[in-house]
Every structure is written in C-alpha cells, then in structure tokens.
C-alpha cells in the first residue's frame, strides 16, 4: 500500500514546474516588448519631457482648438497620434534608413507635407466665418479634422528620423528590434496624445470664449490660416536632415 503513494509524491515537483515555466515564458515575452525597468523609466521621463515641450505639432493642435473648439482639437490629437504611430512603425521597419540615404524620397515627402499645410491655411483664409451657433462653433467636421491631422503627421519625414534616432537609445540589445521599436513608439505616441489632449482642451476652452463675438471669429480665422501657412513654410525651409 505504501508503494502506491510514491508516484503521487513524485508528481508534485512536476506540477510545480509547469507554472514556473509559464512564468519564465511570460517574462521572456515582456523582455521582448519592453527594455529593462531602468531604461524604461528613463524612456518614459524623456518622452514626457519631449511631449510637453511645445513644437509645431502642439502649435497645430492649439490653433485648431482655438479656432474650432475642443472637439476639433481632440480630433487633431487623434489624427496626429495615428500618423506619428505610422512614422514610428515606419522607422522600426527601416523607412528611416530609406530617408537617410535617399535625398529624393525625403525631399518629396517633406514638400508634399509642407504644401498640404499651406493648402489648409489658404482654405481657412478663403472660408467665410460662419455665424455662431450653439452647435456649429464646437463640433466642426471631426472626420475631416482627423484626416488633416493624420496627413500632416504622416507627411513629416523628420518624425520618422526622430524615432529612428530616439528609440534605439532605450532598446535592449537582446530583444527583437522591430518588436521593441514598435512597442516603444506606441508608448511614446500614447504619452504625447495625453499631453496634446491637455493642450487641446485648454485651448478649446479659451477659444470658445474668444469666438463669441463676430470680430474675434474673423480674427481667429486669419490667425489660423496664417499659422498653417507658416508651419508649411517652416517645414519646407528647415534643415532636411535635422529631426525634430
């Protein structure tokens, strides 16, 4: 009778081995997606500092929010975030290397993006100010605003070069570079989307107060149009190889 109890006693270590193996497998998966905690903390800190620093993207979002309200501003945030994620994925898959070695490809994408910003500015300037209504001033055309933000972000090759230069500084050498690059890019975009949303909400709240009067709506239209044109000119004239 005692012999029949031995197999059960021998199976206990095997039962405990499966969860340990599963834990190691999960740990390996996490290590493939994210760098060690020290590098990850440094990455989050650096990303937050970069995200809260106003740049052309923030200026674009604030301009939209002031002119068209918080909803348009948040739609711009979503479009730019998706476009930046596309740039991060492109950098992970080697698109930045193409831009680095092909001046023609970089220049074409850069000037198309700059021209699109100028087009948006001219379109705003040529559109007569609409009468203020309880709905119109706030809602705007969110799908179109989202699309504009997406196109503006995607057609900025310097963003791709930025991700190619920034993300590898925080990547683990033992992980798959594409997987970890996409993961870190997604994390950076998420952090930037949060800070950009704060800018959009704050600017939209101010804009809703400023645009109650017709003269202020006309002034806001000219400011928005000239800002978009200025961003387009800035994008076209800045150093082609200096990432932002």
Protein backbone atom coordinates (compact mmCIF):
# COMPACT_ATOMS: atom_id res chain seq x y z
CA UNK A 1 0.00 0.00 0.00
CA UNK A 2 2.83 2.41 0.69
CA UNK A 3 4.27 1.84 -2.80
CA UNK A 4 1.10 3.14 -4.39
CA UNK A 5 1.66 6.50 -2.71
CA UNK A 6 5.11 7.09 -4.20
CA UNK A 7 4.05 8.11 -7.75
CA UNK A 8 1.79 10.79 -6.34
CA UNK A 9 4.65 12.15 -4.23
CA UNK A 10 6.97 12.17 -7.23
CA UNK A 11 4.47 14.18 -9.34
CA UNK A 12 4.43 17.23 -7.04
CA UNK A 13 7.67 18.74 -8.41
CA UNK A 14 6.38 18.23 -11.97
CA UNK A 15 3.14 20.01 -11.12
CA UNK A 16 5.06 22.98 -9.80
CA UNK A 17 7.38 23.06 -12.80
CA UNK A 18 4.65 24.00 -15.29
CA UNK A 19 3.69 27.28 -13.62
CA UNK A 20 7.37 28.19 -13.25
CA UNK A 21 7.93 27.54 -16.94
CA UNK A 22 4.87 29.60 -17.82
CA UNK A 23 6.18 32.44 -15.67
CA UNK A 24 9.54 32.32 -17.45
CA UNK A 25 7.78 32.33 -20.79
CA UNK A 26 5.71 35.38 -19.82
CA UNK A 27 8.84 37.11 -18.55
CA UNK A 28 10.59 36.40 -21.85
CA UNK A 29 7.64 37.91 -23.74
CA UNK A 30 7.75 41.08 -21.62
CA UNK A 31 11.52 41.34 -22.16
CA UNK A 32 10.96 41.18 -25.91
CA UNK A 33 8.40 44.00 -25.79
CA UNK A 34 9.98 46.36 -23.26
CA UNK A 35 13.52 47.23 -22.16
CA UNK A 36 14.69 46.73 -18.55
CA UNK A 37 12.93 48.88 -15.98
CA UNK A 38 15.84 51.31 -15.64
CA UNK A 39 15.81 52.03 -19.37
CA UNK A 40 12.01 52.08 -19.47
CA UNK A 41 11.87 54.67 -16.67
CA UNK A 42 14.40 56.83 -18.50
CA UNK A 43 12.41 56.46 -21.72
CA UNK A 44 9.12 57.49 -20.07
CA UNK A 45 10.79 60.51 -18.44
CA UNK A 46 12.44 61.64 -21.68
CA UNK A 47 9.22 61.07 -23.66
CA UNK A 48 7.19 63.11 -21.19
CA UNK A 49 9.66 66.00 -21.32
CA UNK A 50 9.64 65.97 -25.12
CA UNK A 51 5.85 65.71 -25.26
CA UNK A 52 5.14 68.69 -23.00
CA UNK A 53 7.61 70.90 -24.89
CA UNK A 54 5.63 72.96 -27.43
CA UNK A 55 6.59 72.30 -31.02
CA UNK A 56 4.98 72.51 -34.47
CA UNK A 57 2.61 69.66 -33.66
CA UNK A 58 1.40 71.33 -30.47
CA UNK A 59 1.04 74.64 -32.31
CA UNK A 60 -1.10 72.93 -34.95
CA UNK A 61 -3.34 71.38 -32.29
CA UNK A 62 -3.67 74.62 -30.31
CA UNK A 63 -4.54 76.54 -33.48
CA UNK A 64 -7.25 74.06 -34.38
CA UNK A 65 -8.62 74.12 -30.84
CA UNK A 66 -8.71 77.91 -30.62
CA UNK A 67 -10.45 78.24 -33.98
CA UNK A 68 -12.83 75.27 -33.89
CA UNK A 69 -13.15 74.21 -30.27
CA UNK A 70 -12.11 71.29 -28.10
CA UNK A 71 -13.75 68.64 -30.24
CA UNK A 72 -11.76 69.67 -33.31
CA UNK A 73 -8.63 69.89 -31.18
CA UNK A 74 -9.09 66.36 -29.85
CA UNK A 75 -9.81 65.10 -33.38
CA UNK A 76 -6.49 66.66 -34.43
CA UNK A 77 -4.77 64.94 -31.50
CA UNK A 78 -6.17 61.58 -32.63
CA UNK A 79 -5.13 62.12 -36.24
CA UNK A 80 -1.62 63.26 -35.35
CA UNK A 81 -1.22 60.38 -32.89
CA UNK A 82 -2.15 57.83 -35.55
CA UNK A 83 0.16 59.49 -38.05
CA UNK A 84 3.03 59.52 -35.56
CA UNK A 85 2.41 55.85 -34.82
CA UNK A 86 2.70 55.19 -38.54
CA UNK A 87 6.01 57.05 -38.54
CA UNK A 88 7.23 55.00 -35.57
CA UNK A 89 6.31 51.75 -37.30
CA UNK A 90 7.99 53.00 -40.47
CA UNK A 91 11.15 53.78 -38.51
CA UNK A 92 11.10 50.32 -36.95
CA UNK A 93 10.80 48.68 -40.36
CA UNK A 94 13.62 50.71 -41.90
CA UNK A 95 11.80 53.60 -43.56
CA UNK A 96 14.12 56.00 -41.76
CA UNK A 97 17.08 54.27 -43.42
CA UNK A 98 15.50 54.98 -46.81
CA UNK A 99 15.08 58.66 -45.93
CA UNK A 100 18.64 58.78 -44.63
CA UNK A 101 20.18 57.51 -47.87
CA UNK A 102 17.67 58.86 -50.40
CA UNK A 103 17.52 62.64 -50.51
CA UNK A 104 14.89 62.46 -53.24
CA UNK A 105 12.46 60.38 -51.16
CA UNK A 106 12.93 62.61 -48.12
CA UNK A 107 12.51 65.81 -50.12
CA UNK A 108 9.38 64.64 -51.93
CA UNK A 109 7.61 63.62 -48.71
CA UNK A 110 8.73 66.79 -46.93
CA UNK A 111 7.49 69.18 -49.62
CA UNK A 112 4.21 67.34 -50.08
CA UNK A 113 3.56 67.69 -46.35
CA UNK A 114 4.53 71.36 -46.38
CA UNK A 115 2.29 72.00 -49.38
CA UNK A 116 -0.61 70.33 -47.61
CA UNK A 117 -0.19 72.65 -44.61
CA UNK A 118 -0.14 75.68 -46.91
CA UNK A 119 -3.25 74.34 -48.64
CA UNK A 120 -5.03 74.06 -45.28
CA UNK A 121 -4.06 77.64 -44.44
CA UNK A 122 -5.33 79.03 -47.74
CA UNK A 123 -8.54 77.03 -47.37
CA UNK A 124 -9.13 78.51 -43.91
CA UNK A 125 -8.47 82.06 -45.16
CA UNK A 126 -10.87 81.65 -48.09
CA UNK A 127 -13.68 80.24 -45.96
CA UNK A 128 -16.02 82.98 -44.72
CA UNK A 129 -16.69 82.91 -40.97
CA UNK A 130 -19.90 81.06 -40.17
CA UNK A 131 -22.45 82.56 -37.76
CA UNK A 132 -22.03 81.42 -34.19
CA UNK A 133 -24.49 78.74 -33.11
CA UNK A 134 -24.75 76.53 -30.03
CA UNK A 135 -23.57 73.54 -32.07
CA UNK A 136 -21.54 74.76 -35.02
CA UNK A 137 -18.79 76.50 -33.10
CA UNK A 138 -17.98 73.40 -31.10
CA UNK A 139 -18.50 70.40 -33.31
CA UNK A 140 -16.85 71.34 -36.59
CA UNK A 141 -16.18 68.49 -39.00
CA UNK A 142 -14.36 65.98 -36.83
CA UNK A 143 -13.67 63.34 -39.52
CA UNK A 144 -12.14 65.96 -41.81
CA UNK A 145 -10.10 67.47 -38.98
CA UNK A 146 -8.92 63.97 -38.01
CA UNK A 147 -7.90 63.29 -41.61
CA UNK A 148 -5.99 66.58 -41.83
CA UNK A 149 -4.04 65.79 -38.67
CA UNK A 150 -3.27 62.29 -39.92
CA UNK A 151 -1.99 63.53 -43.28
CA UNK A 152 0.09 66.31 -41.71
CA UNK A 153 1.75 63.84 -39.32
CA UNK A 154 2.36 61.12 -41.91
CA UNK A 155 3.91 63.56 -44.38
CA UNK A 156 6.57 64.71 -41.92
CA UNK A 157 9.63 62.53 -42.63
CA UNK A 158 11.59 64.23 -39.83
CA UNK A 159 9.31 62.48 -37.36
CA UNK A 160 10.40 59.13 -38.78
CA UNK A 161 14.04 60.15 -38.47
CA UNK A 162 13.40 61.30 -34.91
CA UNK A 163 12.00 57.92 -33.93
CA UNK A 164 14.92 56.18 -35.65
CA UNK A 165 17.39 58.24 -33.60
CA UNK A 166 15.48 58.35 -30.30
CA UNK A 167 14.01 54.88 -29.78
CA UNK A 168 17.23 52.81 -30.12
CA UNK A 169 18.75 54.68 -27.18
CA UNK A 170 16.33 52.82 -24.87
CA UNK A 171 16.12 49.41 -26.55
CA UNK A 172 17.52 46.19 -25.11
CA UNK A 173 20.21 44.56 -27.23
CA UNK A 174 18.76 41.10 -26.58
CA UNK A 175 15.26 41.91 -27.90
CA UNK A 176 13.90 41.84 -31.43
CA UNK A 177 14.46 45.44 -32.65
CA UNK A 178 11.28 45.68 -34.72
CA UNK A 179 9.02 44.43 -31.93
CA UNK A 180 10.58 46.61 -29.25
CA UNK A 181 10.77 49.61 -31.58
CA UNK A 182 7.05 49.41 -32.35
CA UNK A 183 6.22 48.96 -28.65
CA UNK A 184 8.28 51.95 -27.56
CA UNK A 185 6.86 54.00 -30.43
CA UNK A 186 3.34 53.15 -29.30
CA UNK A 187 4.19 54.14 -25.74
CA UNK A 188 5.68 57.46 -26.88
CA UNK A 189 2.62 58.22 -29.01
CA UNK A 190 0.32 57.44 -26.07
CA UNK A 191 2.25 59.80 -23.78
CA UNK A 192 2.22 62.55 -26.41
CA UNK A 193 -1.52 62.05 -27.01
CA UNK A 194 -2.23 62.66 -23.31
CA UNK A 195 -0.21 65.88 -23.17
CA UNK A 196 -1.57 67.06 -26.53
CA UNK A 197 -5.12 66.45 -25.30
CA UNK A 198 -4.45 68.73 -22.33
CA UNK A 199 -3.29 71.45 -24.72
CA UNK A 200 -6.37 70.90 -26.91
CA UNK A 201 -8.84 71.05 -24.02
CA UNK A 202 -7.22 74.18 -22.55
CA UNK A 203 -7.02 75.99 -25.89
CA UNK A 204 -10.55 74.91 -26.83
CA UNK A 205 -11.93 76.31 -23.60
CA UNK A 206 -10.23 79.66 -24.24
CA UNK A 207 -11.26 79.67 -27.88
CA UNK A 208 -14.93 79.11 -27.09
CA UNK A 209 -14.89 82.32 -25.06
CA UNK A 210 -12.93 84.34 -27.62
CA UNK A 211 -15.06 83.40 -30.62
CA UNK A 212 -18.41 84.51 -29.24
CA UNK A 213 -18.05 87.88 -30.99
CA UNK A 214 -18.01 88.08 -34.79
CA UNK A 215 -14.82 90.22 -34.97
CA UNK A 216 -12.97 87.65 -32.88
CA UNK A 217 -14.16 84.84 -35.17
CA UNK A 218 -12.77 86.71 -38.19
CA UNK A 219 -9.50 87.38 -36.37
CA UNK A 220 -9.27 83.73 -35.35
CA UNK A 221 -9.75 82.67 -38.97
CA UNK A 222 -6.85 84.83 -40.13
CA UNK A 223 -4.64 83.67 -37.27
CA UNK A 224 -5.42 80.02 -38.03
CA UNK A 225 -4.82 80.38 -41.75
CA UNK A 226 -1.55 82.25 -41.40
CA UNK A 227 -0.35 79.80 -38.73
CA UNK A 228 -0.94 76.81 -41.01
CA UNK A 229 0.82 78.59 -43.88
CA UNK A 230 3.69 79.50 -41.55
CA UNK A 231 4.02 75.89 -40.42
CA UNK A 232 4.13 74.78 -44.04
CA UNK A 233 6.85 77.29 -44.90
CA UNK A 234 8.76 76.32 -41.77
CA UNK A 235 8.55 72.63 -42.67
CA UNK A 236 9.80 73.35 -46.19
CA UNK A 237 12.72 75.58 -45.18
CA UNK A 238 14.09 73.82 -42.10
CA UNK A 239 17.18 71.63 -42.31
CA UNK A 240 16.17 68.46 -44.10
CA UNK A 241 18.39 66.20 -42.00
CA UNK A 242 17.73 67.60 -38.53
CA UNK A 243 14.97 65.60 -36.80
CA UNK A 244 12.54 67.45 -34.58
